[in-house]
Amino acid sequence: MRKIIADSSSLILLFKCGAAEDLLNNCCCIIPEPVRDELTAQGHDGSDFFDQCIRKGALTVKIHAGGAAISISLHKGEMGVISLYNEGAGQYIIIDDGRGAAFCRNNTIPYINALLAVKILFFSGIISRKKFDVAYLWLKSNGRYSKAVIEWADAAGFQELKEFLL
């Protein structure tokens, strides 16, 4: 089973579009403590779902050594995600924070966003075409993605994303 490290923004977006459970049932999803705290904050969308996922073991919370090697300003969650990747905790990152994604890109850390995660679920045969269409359209409409990110995601096919398949 693939080990993936995710930030809270991505997991919340996947929850809202109806794809989080599909992802979590088909990979080993690892999160740092600050992401856990964001996901389970009382009254936030999906907090009960994510709390239950942690208790069932569908989300694994790991402590990271720290982000001393990360020289840009990131939120605690994104810093933790990148630190866990640098420590070898996962094979790639799902991140929807712009600065975090730029750091990954500039440091050759393999990453995708929630928009591409839904494509991965479809290409891996985990979700139907209909579920993909609904989730993907919702993310494009609600995910705060730039036009360039949406255009790249629209054009990305199986070959571009095969290294991320579940």
N, C-alpha and C. Protein backbone atom coordinates (compact mmCIF):
# COMPACT_ATOMS: atom_id res chain seq x y z
N MET A 1 0.84 -1.18 0.00
CA MET A 1 0.00 0.00 0.00
C MET A 1 0.89 1.25 0.00
N ARG A 2 0.57 2.20 -0.87
CA ARG A 2 1.37 3.43 -0.98
C ARG A 2 1.29 4.25 0.28
N LYS A 3 2.42 4.82 0.67
CA LYS A 3 2.48 5.74 1.80
C LYS A 3 2.49 7.16 1.26
N ILE A 4 1.48 7.92 1.68
CA ILE A 4 1.29 9.28 1.19
C ILE A 4 1.19 10.21 2.40
N ILE A 5 1.81 11.36 2.30
CA ILE A 5 1.74 12.37 3.36
C ILE A 5 0.85 13.50 2.85
N ALA A 6 -0.12 13.92 3.66
CA ALA A 6 -1.08 14.92 3.18
C ALA A 6 -1.21 16.10 4.14
N ASP A 7 -1.52 17.26 3.55
CA ASP A 7 -1.80 18.43 4.37
C ASP A 7 -3.30 18.54 4.63
N SER A 8 -3.66 19.41 5.55
CA SER A 8 -5.07 19.52 5.94
C SER A 8 -5.94 20.10 4.81
N SER A 9 -5.44 21.08 4.08
CA SER A 9 -6.23 21.68 3.01
C SER A 9 -6.66 20.63 1.99
N SER A 10 -5.74 19.78 1.60
CA SER A 10 -6.04 18.74 0.61
C SER A 10 -7.07 17.76 1.14
N LEU A 11 -6.88 17.30 2.36
CA LEU A 11 -7.80 16.33 2.93
C LEU A 11 -9.19 16.92 3.13
N ILE A 12 -9.26 18.18 3.53
CA ILE A 12 -10.57 18.83 3.69
C ILE A 12 -11.26 18.98 2.33
N LEU A 13 -10.51 19.39 1.32
CA LEU A 13 -11.09 19.48 -0.02
C LEU A 13 -11.59 18.12 -0.50
N LEU A 14 -10.80 17.08 -0.28
CA LEU A 14 -11.21 15.74 -0.69
C LEU A 14 -12.44 15.28 0.09
N PHE A 15 -12.53 15.65 1.36
CA PHE A 15 -13.72 15.34 2.15
C PHE A 15 -14.94 16.05 1.55
N LYS A 16 -14.80 17.32 1.27
CA LYS A 16 -15.93 18.11 0.77
C LYS A 16 -16.42 17.65 -0.59
N CYS A 17 -15.52 17.14 -1.43
CA CYS A 17 -15.95 16.68 -2.76
C CYS A 17 -16.34 15.20 -2.75
N GLY A 18 -16.25 14.55 -1.59
CA GLY A 18 -16.70 13.17 -1.46
C GLY A 18 -15.68 12.11 -1.79
N ALA A 19 -14.38 12.47 -1.85
CA ALA A 19 -13.35 11.50 -2.25
C ALA A 19 -12.38 11.11 -1.13
N ALA A 20 -12.50 11.71 0.04
CA ALA A 20 -11.54 11.43 1.12
C ALA A 20 -11.57 9.97 1.55
N GLU A 21 -12.75 9.44 1.73
CA GLU A 21 -12.86 8.04 2.17
C GLU A 21 -12.24 7.09 1.15
N ASP A 22 -12.45 7.36 -0.13
CA ASP A 22 -11.86 6.53 -1.19
C ASP A 22 -10.34 6.56 -1.11
N LEU A 23 -9.78 7.73 -0.91
CA LEU A 23 -8.33 7.85 -0.78
C LEU A 23 -7.83 7.09 0.44
N LEU A 24 -8.44 7.38 1.59
CA LEU A 24 -7.95 6.81 2.85
C LEU A 24 -8.10 5.29 2.92
N ASN A 25 -9.05 4.74 2.18
CA ASN A 25 -9.22 3.29 2.16
C ASN A 25 -8.24 2.59 1.23
N ASN A 26 -7.48 3.36 0.44
CA ASN A 26 -6.61 2.75 -0.56
C ASN A 26 -5.15 3.16 -0.48
N CYS A 27 -4.76 3.76 0.63
CA CYS A 27 -3.36 4.12 0.84
C CYS A 27 -3.10 4.19 2.34
N CYS A 28 -1.86 4.33 2.68
CA CYS A 28 -1.48 4.60 4.06
C CYS A 28 -1.23 6.11 4.11
N CYS A 29 -2.18 6.85 4.65
CA CYS A 29 -2.09 8.31 4.67
C CYS A 29 -1.50 8.76 6.00
N ILE A 30 -0.43 9.50 5.92
CA ILE A 30 0.32 9.95 7.09
C ILE A 30 0.18 11.46 7.21
N ILE A 31 -0.04 11.92 8.44
CA ILE A 31 -0.15 13.35 8.70
C ILE A 31 0.67 13.71 9.93
N PRO A 32 1.24 14.91 9.96
CA PRO A 32 1.92 15.37 11.18
C PRO A 32 0.89 15.87 12.19
N GLU A 33 1.33 16.03 13.42
CA GLU A 33 0.42 16.47 14.49
C GLU A 33 -0.32 17.78 14.19
N PRO A 34 0.35 18.81 13.63
CA PRO A 34 -0.39 20.05 13.35
C PRO A 34 -1.53 19.84 12.35
N VAL A 35 -1.36 18.93 11.40
CA VAL A 35 -2.43 18.63 10.45
C VAL A 35 -3.57 17.93 11.19
N ARG A 36 -3.24 17.00 12.05
CA ARG A 36 -4.27 16.34 12.86
C ARG A 36 -5.08 17.38 13.63
N ASP A 37 -4.38 18.33 14.25
CA ASP A 37 -5.06 19.36 15.04
C ASP A 37 -6.00 20.20 14.18
N GLU A 38 -5.59 20.52 12.95
CA GLU A 38 -6.45 21.29 12.04
C GLU A 38 -7.65 20.46 11.60
N LEU A 39 -7.42 19.20 11.27
CA LEU A 39 -8.50 18.35 10.77
C LEU A 39 -9.56 18.05 11.82
N THR A 40 -9.15 17.97 13.07
CA THR A 40 -10.08 17.57 14.13
C THR A 40 -10.56 18.73 14.99
N ALA A 41 -10.26 19.95 14.57
CA ALA A 41 -10.70 21.13 15.33
C ALA A 41 -12.23 21.14 15.42
N GLN A 42 -12.72 21.26 16.62
CA GLN A 42 -14.16 21.22 16.89
C GLN A 42 -14.92 22.20 16.01
N GLY A 43 -15.97 21.72 15.37
CA GLY A 43 -16.84 22.57 14.58
C GLY A 43 -16.41 22.78 13.14
N HIS A 44 -15.26 22.27 12.74
CA HIS A 44 -14.80 22.43 11.36
C HIS A 44 -15.36 21.32 10.48
N ASP A 45 -15.53 21.62 9.20
CA ASP A 45 -16.04 20.63 8.26
C ASP A 45 -15.21 19.36 8.29
N GLY A 46 -15.87 18.25 8.56
CA GLY A 46 -15.19 16.96 8.53
C GLY A 46 -14.48 16.58 9.81
N SER A 47 -14.54 17.40 10.84
CA SER A 47 -13.75 17.11 12.05
C SER A 47 -14.11 15.76 12.66
N ASP A 48 -15.39 15.42 12.71
CA ASP A 48 -15.79 14.12 13.26
C ASP A 48 -15.30 12.98 12.36
N PHE A 49 -15.42 13.16 11.05
CA PHE A 49 -14.95 12.16 10.10
C PHE A 49 -13.46 11.90 10.28
N PHE A 50 -12.66 12.96 10.34
CA PHE A 50 -11.22 12.80 10.46
C PHE A 50 -10.81 12.24 11.82
N ASP A 51 -11.51 12.63 12.86
CA ASP A 51 -11.24 12.07 14.18
C ASP A 51 -11.48 10.56 14.16
N GLN A 52 -12.57 10.15 13.54
CA GLN A 52 -12.89 8.73 13.42
C GLN A 52 -11.83 8.00 12.58
N CYS A 53 -11.37 8.63 11.51
CA CYS A 53 -10.33 8.02 10.66
C CYS A 53 -9.04 7.79 11.44
N ILE A 54 -8.69 8.73 12.29
CA ILE A 54 -7.49 8.60 13.11
C ILE A 54 -7.67 7.44 14.10
N ARG A 55 -8.83 7.39 14.73
CA ARG A 55 -9.08 6.31 15.71
C ARG A 55 -9.10 4.93 15.05
N LYS A 56 -9.58 4.85 13.80
CA LYS A 56 -9.64 3.57 13.07
C LYS A 56 -8.30 3.21 12.42
N GLY A 57 -7.37 4.15 12.37
CA GLY A 57 -6.08 3.90 11.74
C GLY A 57 -6.04 4.20 10.25
N ALA A 58 -7.10 4.84 9.71
CA ALA A 58 -7.10 5.22 8.30
C ALA A 58 -6.21 6.43 8.05
N LEU A 59 -5.92 7.18 9.10
CA LEU A 59 -4.95 8.28 9.07
C LEU A 59 -3.93 7.99 10.17
N THR A 60 -2.67 8.05 9.82
CA THR A 60 -1.60 7.80 10.78
C THR A 60 -0.94 9.12 11.15
N VAL A 61 -0.93 9.43 12.43
CA VAL A 61 -0.30 10.67 12.91
C VAL A 61 1.14 10.35 13.30
N LYS A 62 2.08 11.13 12.75
CA LYS A 62 3.50 10.96 13.08
C LYS A 62 4.10 12.27 13.56
N ILE A 63 5.01 12.14 14.48
CA ILE A 63 5.78 13.29 14.95
C ILE A 63 6.95 13.47 14.00
N HIS A 64 7.22 14.69 13.62
CA HIS A 64 8.36 14.95 12.72
C HIS A 64 9.46 15.64 13.51
N ALA A 65 10.67 15.48 12.98
CA ALA A 65 11.84 16.02 13.67
C ALA A 65 11.90 17.54 13.63
N GLY A 66 11.30 18.14 12.63
CA GLY A 66 11.32 19.59 12.54
C GLY A 66 11.69 20.05 11.15
N GLY A 67 11.59 21.32 10.93
CA GLY A 67 11.81 21.87 9.60
C GLY A 67 13.01 22.77 9.50
N ALA A 68 14.05 22.47 10.22
CA ALA A 68 15.22 23.35 10.22
C ALA A 68 15.78 23.56 8.83
N ALA A 69 15.67 22.57 7.96
CA ALA A 69 16.24 22.68 6.62
C ALA A 69 15.32 23.45 5.68
N ILE A 70 14.13 23.76 6.12
CA ILE A 70 13.18 24.48 5.28
C ILE A 70 13.32 25.97 5.56
N SER A 71 13.76 26.69 4.55
CA SER A 71 14.13 28.10 4.76
C SER A 71 13.03 29.09 4.40
N ILE A 72 11.86 28.62 4.00
CA ILE A 72 10.79 29.56 3.68
C ILE A 72 9.72 29.51 4.75
N SER A 73 8.88 30.50 4.75
CA SER A 73 7.82 30.58 5.75
C SER A 73 6.64 29.70 5.32
N LEU A 74 6.41 28.64 6.08
CA LEU A 74 5.29 27.75 5.85
C LEU A 74 4.49 27.62 7.14
N HIS A 75 3.23 27.27 7.01
CA HIS A 75 2.43 26.95 8.18
C HIS A 75 2.97 25.68 8.82
N LYS A 76 2.65 25.47 10.09
CA LYS A 76 3.13 24.29 10.81
C LYS A 76 2.77 22.99 10.10
N GLY A 77 1.55 22.92 9.57
CA GLY A 77 1.11 21.70 8.90
C GLY A 77 1.93 21.38 7.67
N GLU A 78 2.13 22.36 6.81
CA GLU A 78 2.91 22.13 5.59
C GLU A 78 4.37 21.85 5.92
N MET A 79 4.90 22.55 6.92
CA MET A 79 6.27 22.29 7.35
C MET A 79 6.39 20.85 7.84
N GLY A 80 5.39 20.40 8.59
CA GLY A 80 5.40 19.02 9.09
C GLY A 80 5.30 18.01 7.98
N VAL A 81 4.47 18.28 6.99
CA VAL A 81 4.31 17.37 5.85
C VAL A 81 5.65 17.22 5.12
N ILE A 82 6.29 18.33 4.82
CA ILE A 82 7.57 18.29 4.09
C ILE A 82 8.65 17.64 4.95
N SER A 83 8.66 17.94 6.23
CA SER A 83 9.64 17.31 7.13
C SER A 83 9.46 15.79 7.16
N LEU A 84 8.21 15.33 7.24
CA LEU A 84 7.96 13.89 7.23
C LEU A 84 8.44 13.25 5.93
N TYR A 85 8.21 13.94 4.81
CA TYR A 85 8.71 13.41 3.53
C TYR A 85 10.24 13.32 3.57
N ASN A 86 10.89 14.38 4.03
CA ASN A 86 12.36 14.39 4.09
C ASN A 86 12.90 13.31 5.02
N GLU A 87 12.10 12.89 5.99
CA GLU A 87 12.49 11.83 6.92
C GLU A 87 12.16 10.44 6.37
N GLY A 88 11.58 10.37 5.17
CA GLY A 88 11.30 9.08 4.55
C GLY A 88 9.97 8.45 4.93
N ALA A 89 9.05 9.23 5.48
CA ALA A 89 7.78 8.67 5.96
C ALA A 89 6.83 8.28 4.83
N GLY A 90 6.96 8.89 3.65
CA GLY A 90 6.03 8.62 2.57
C GLY A 90 6.69 8.72 1.22
N GLN A 91 5.95 8.27 0.20
CA GLN A 91 6.47 8.25 -1.16
C GLN A 91 6.22 9.54 -1.93
N TYR A 92 5.15 10.24 -1.56
CA TYR A 92 4.87 11.55 -2.14
C TYR A 92 3.93 12.32 -1.23
N ILE A 93 3.69 13.56 -1.61
CA ILE A 93 2.90 14.48 -0.80
C ILE A 93 1.66 14.91 -1.58
N ILE A 94 0.55 15.05 -0.85
CA ILE A 94 -0.63 15.73 -1.38
C ILE A 94 -0.70 17.05 -0.62
N ILE A 95 -0.58 18.15 -1.37
CA ILE A 95 -0.50 19.47 -0.73
C ILE A 95 -1.22 20.50 -1.59
N ASP A 96 -2.04 21.32 -0.97
CA ASP A 96 -2.77 22.35 -1.69
C ASP A 96 -2.36 23.76 -1.28
N ASP A 97 -1.38 23.88 -0.44
CA ASP A 97 -0.84 25.18 -0.05
C ASP A 97 0.13 25.64 -1.14
N GLY A 98 -0.05 26.85 -1.65
CA GLY A 98 0.78 27.34 -2.75
C GLY A 98 2.26 27.40 -2.43
N ARG A 99 2.60 27.94 -1.26
CA ARG A 99 4.02 28.01 -0.88
C ARG A 99 4.61 26.63 -0.68
N GLY A 100 3.83 25.76 -0.07
CA GLY A 100 4.30 24.38 0.14
C GLY A 100 4.51 23.66 -1.17
N ALA A 101 3.58 23.83 -2.11
CA ALA A 101 3.72 23.19 -3.43
C ALA A 101 4.95 23.75 -4.16
N ALA A 102 5.15 25.06 -4.07
CA ALA A 102 6.33 25.66 -4.71
C ALA A 102 7.61 25.11 -4.10
N PHE A 103 7.63 24.94 -2.78
CA PHE A 103 8.81 24.36 -2.13
C PHE A 103 9.05 22.95 -2.65
N CYS A 104 7.99 22.16 -2.74
CA CYS A 104 8.14 20.79 -3.27
C CYS A 104 8.70 20.82 -4.69
N ARG A 105 8.11 21.64 -5.53
CA ARG A 105 8.55 21.74 -6.92
C ARG A 105 10.03 22.15 -6.99
N ASN A 106 10.41 23.15 -6.22
CA ASN A 106 11.78 23.67 -6.26
C ASN A 106 12.80 22.72 -5.65
N ASN A 107 12.34 21.76 -4.87
CA ASN A 107 13.24 20.82 -4.20
C ASN A 107 13.03 19.38 -4.66
N THR A 108 12.43 19.23 -5.82
CA THR A 108 12.18 17.92 -6.46
C THR A 108 11.53 16.91 -5.51
N ILE A 109 10.57 17.37 -4.74
CA ILE A 109 9.78 16.48 -3.90
C ILE A 109 8.52 16.15 -4.69
N PRO A 110 8.23 14.87 -4.91
CA PRO A 110 7.03 14.51 -5.68
C PRO A 110 5.75 14.89 -4.92
N TYR A 111 4.87 15.60 -5.60
CA TYR A 111 3.65 16.06 -4.96
C TYR A 111 2.53 16.20 -5.98
N ILE A 112 1.32 16.13 -5.48
CA ILE A 112 0.13 16.43 -6.25
C ILE A 112 -0.78 17.26 -5.35
N ASN A 113 -1.85 17.80 -5.94
CA ASN A 113 -2.85 18.51 -5.15
C ASN A 113 -4.13 17.67 -5.12
N ALA A 114 -5.16 18.15 -4.45
CA ALA A 114 -6.42 17.40 -4.34
C ALA A 114 -7.06 17.18 -5.71
N LEU A 115 -6.94 18.16 -6.58
CA LEU A 115 -7.48 18.04 -7.93
C LEU A 115 -6.88 16.82 -8.64
N LEU A 116 -5.57 16.68 -8.55
CA LEU A 116 -4.90 15.54 -9.18
C LEU A 116 -5.14 14.25 -8.40
N ALA A 117 -5.35 14.35 -7.09
CA ALA A 117 -5.63 13.15 -6.29
C ALA A 117 -6.90 12.46 -6.78
N VAL A 118 -7.89 13.26 -7.17
CA VAL A 118 -9.13 12.68 -7.69
C VAL A 118 -8.85 11.97 -9.02
N LYS A 119 -7.99 12.56 -9.84
CA LYS A 119 -7.60 11.89 -11.10
C LYS A 119 -6.88 10.58 -10.80
N ILE A 120 -6.04 10.59 -9.78
CA ILE A 120 -5.31 9.38 -9.38
C ILE A 120 -6.30 8.30 -8.96
N LEU A 121 -7.30 8.67 -8.19
CA LEU A 121 -8.32 7.70 -7.77
C LEU A 121 -9.03 7.11 -8.99
N PHE A 122 -9.33 7.94 -9.97
CA PHE A 122 -9.99 7.46 -11.19
C PHE A 122 -9.05 6.58 -12.01
N PHE A 123 -7.83 7.05 -12.26
CA PHE A 123 -6.87 6.28 -13.06
C PHE A 123 -6.51 4.95 -12.38
N SER A 124 -6.59 4.91 -11.05
CA SER A 124 -6.28 3.68 -10.31
C SER A 124 -7.47 2.72 -10.27
N GLY A 125 -8.61 3.13 -10.83
CA GLY A 125 -9.80 2.28 -10.86
C GLY A 125 -10.55 2.24 -9.55
N ILE A 126 -10.32 3.22 -8.69
CA ILE A 126 -10.94 3.24 -7.36
C ILE A 126 -12.31 3.92 -7.38
N ILE A 127 -12.46 4.95 -8.20
CA ILE A 127 -13.74 5.62 -8.31
C ILE A 127 -14.24 5.55 -9.75
N SER A 128 -15.54 5.65 -9.90
CA SER A 128 -16.17 5.60 -11.22
C SER A 128 -15.97 6.91 -11.97
N ARG A 129 -16.23 6.87 -13.26
CA ARG A 129 -16.16 8.08 -14.09
C ARG A 129 -17.13 9.14 -13.56
N LYS A 130 -18.32 8.69 -13.19
CA LYS A 130 -19.34 9.63 -12.69
C LYS A 130 -18.87 10.31 -11.40
N LYS A 131 -18.33 9.53 -10.47
CA LYS A 131 -17.85 10.11 -9.21
C LYS A 131 -16.67 11.04 -9.48
N PHE A 132 -15.78 10.63 -10.39
CA PHE A 132 -14.66 11.49 -10.76
C PHE A 132 -15.17 12.83 -11.31
N ASP A 133 -16.10 12.77 -12.26
CA ASP A 133 -16.61 14.00 -12.88
C ASP A 133 -17.19 14.95 -11.84
N VAL A 134 -17.99 14.42 -10.90
CA VAL A 134 -18.62 15.26 -9.88
C VAL A 134 -17.56 15.87 -8.96
N ALA A 135 -16.63 15.04 -8.46
CA ALA A 135 -15.60 15.52 -7.53
C ALA A 135 -14.65 16.50 -8.21
N TYR A 136 -14.23 16.19 -9.42
CA TYR A 136 -13.29 17.04 -10.15
C TYR A 136 -13.91 18.41 -10.44
N LEU A 137 -15.16 18.42 -10.88
CA LEU A 137 -15.85 19.68 -11.16
C LEU A 137 -16.01 20.49 -9.88
N TRP A 138 -16.37 19.82 -8.78
CA TRP A 138 -16.51 20.53 -7.50
C TRP A 138 -15.18 21.17 -7.10
N LEU A 139 -14.08 20.42 -7.22
CA LEU A 139 -12.77 20.95 -6.85
C LEU A 139 -12.37 22.12 -7.74
N LYS A 140 -12.61 22.02 -9.03
CA LYS A 140 -12.28 23.12 -9.94
C LYS A 140 -13.07 24.38 -9.58
N SER A 141 -14.29 24.21 -9.12
CA SER A 141 -15.15 25.35 -8.79
C SER A 141 -14.88 25.92 -7.40
N ASN A 142 -14.40 25.10 -6.47
CA ASN A 142 -14.30 25.50 -5.08
C ASN A 142 -12.89 25.47 -4.49
N GLY A 143 -11.92 24.97 -5.22
CA GLY A 143 -10.59 24.72 -4.67
C GLY A 143 -9.59 25.86 -4.70
N ARG A 144 -9.95 27.02 -5.15
CA ARG A 144 -9.03 28.17 -5.19
C ARG A 144 -7.77 27.89 -6.02
N TYR A 145 -7.94 27.18 -7.11
CA TYR A 145 -6.81 26.88 -7.99
C TYR A 145 -6.67 27.98 -9.04
N SER A 146 -5.43 28.30 -9.37
CA SER A 146 -5.18 29.28 -10.43
C SER A 146 -5.58 28.67 -11.77
N LYS A 147 -5.75 29.53 -12.74
CA LYS A 147 -6.08 29.07 -14.09
C LYS A 147 -4.99 28.13 -14.61
N ALA A 148 -3.73 28.45 -14.34
CA ALA A 148 -2.62 27.61 -14.82
C ALA A 148 -2.65 26.22 -14.18
N VAL A 149 -2.96 26.15 -12.89
CA VAL A 149 -3.03 24.86 -12.21
C VAL A 149 -4.17 24.03 -12.77
N ILE A 150 -5.32 24.65 -12.99
CA ILE A 150 -6.46 23.93 -13.56
C ILE A 150 -6.15 23.45 -14.97
N GLU A 151 -5.53 24.29 -15.78
CA GLU A 151 -5.17 23.88 -17.15
C GLU A 151 -4.20 22.71 -17.14
N TRP A 152 -3.20 22.74 -16.23
CA TRP A 152 -2.25 21.64 -16.15
C TRP A 152 -2.97 20.37 -15.71
N ALA A 153 -3.83 20.48 -14.70
CA ALA A 153 -4.57 19.31 -14.21
C ALA A 153 -5.49 18.75 -15.28
N ASP A 154 -6.16 19.63 -16.02
CA ASP A 154 -7.04 19.16 -17.11
C ASP A 154 -6.25 18.38 -18.15
N ALA A 155 -5.05 18.84 -18.46
CA ALA A 155 -4.23 18.20 -19.50
C ALA A 155 -3.50 16.95 -19.00
N ALA A 156 -3.31 16.83 -17.70
CA ALA A 156 -2.54 15.70 -17.15
C ALA A 156 -3.29 14.39 -17.39
N GLY A 157 -2.59 13.48 -18.03
CA GLY A 157 -3.17 12.17 -18.31
C GLY A 157 -2.49 11.08 -17.52
N PHE A 158 -2.80 9.88 -17.88
CA PHE A 158 -2.27 8.71 -17.18
C PHE A 158 -0.74 8.72 -17.13
N GLN A 159 -0.10 9.02 -18.26
CA GLN A 159 1.37 8.99 -18.32
C GLN A 159 2.00 9.98 -17.35
N GLU A 160 1.44 11.18 -17.27
CA GLU A 160 1.99 12.19 -16.36
C GLU A 160 1.80 11.84 -14.89
N LEU A 161 0.78 11.04 -14.61
CA LEU A 161 0.41 10.78 -13.22
C LEU A 161 0.67 9.34 -12.77
N LYS A 162 1.21 8.50 -13.65
CA LYS A 162 1.33 7.07 -13.30
C LYS A 162 2.21 6.82 -12.08
N GLU A 163 3.18 7.67 -11.80
CA GLU A 163 4.03 7.47 -10.62
C GLU A 163 3.26 7.65 -9.31
N PHE A 164 2.07 8.24 -9.38
CA PHE A 164 1.27 8.49 -8.18
C PHE A 164 0.13 7.50 -7.99
N LEU A 165 -0.02 6.56 -8.91
CA LEU A 165 -1.16 5.62 -8.83
C LEU A 165 -1.13 4.84 -7.53
N LEU A 166 -2.32 4.50 -7.07
CA LEU A 166 -2.46 3.74 -5.82
C LEU A 166 -2.51 2.26 -6.10
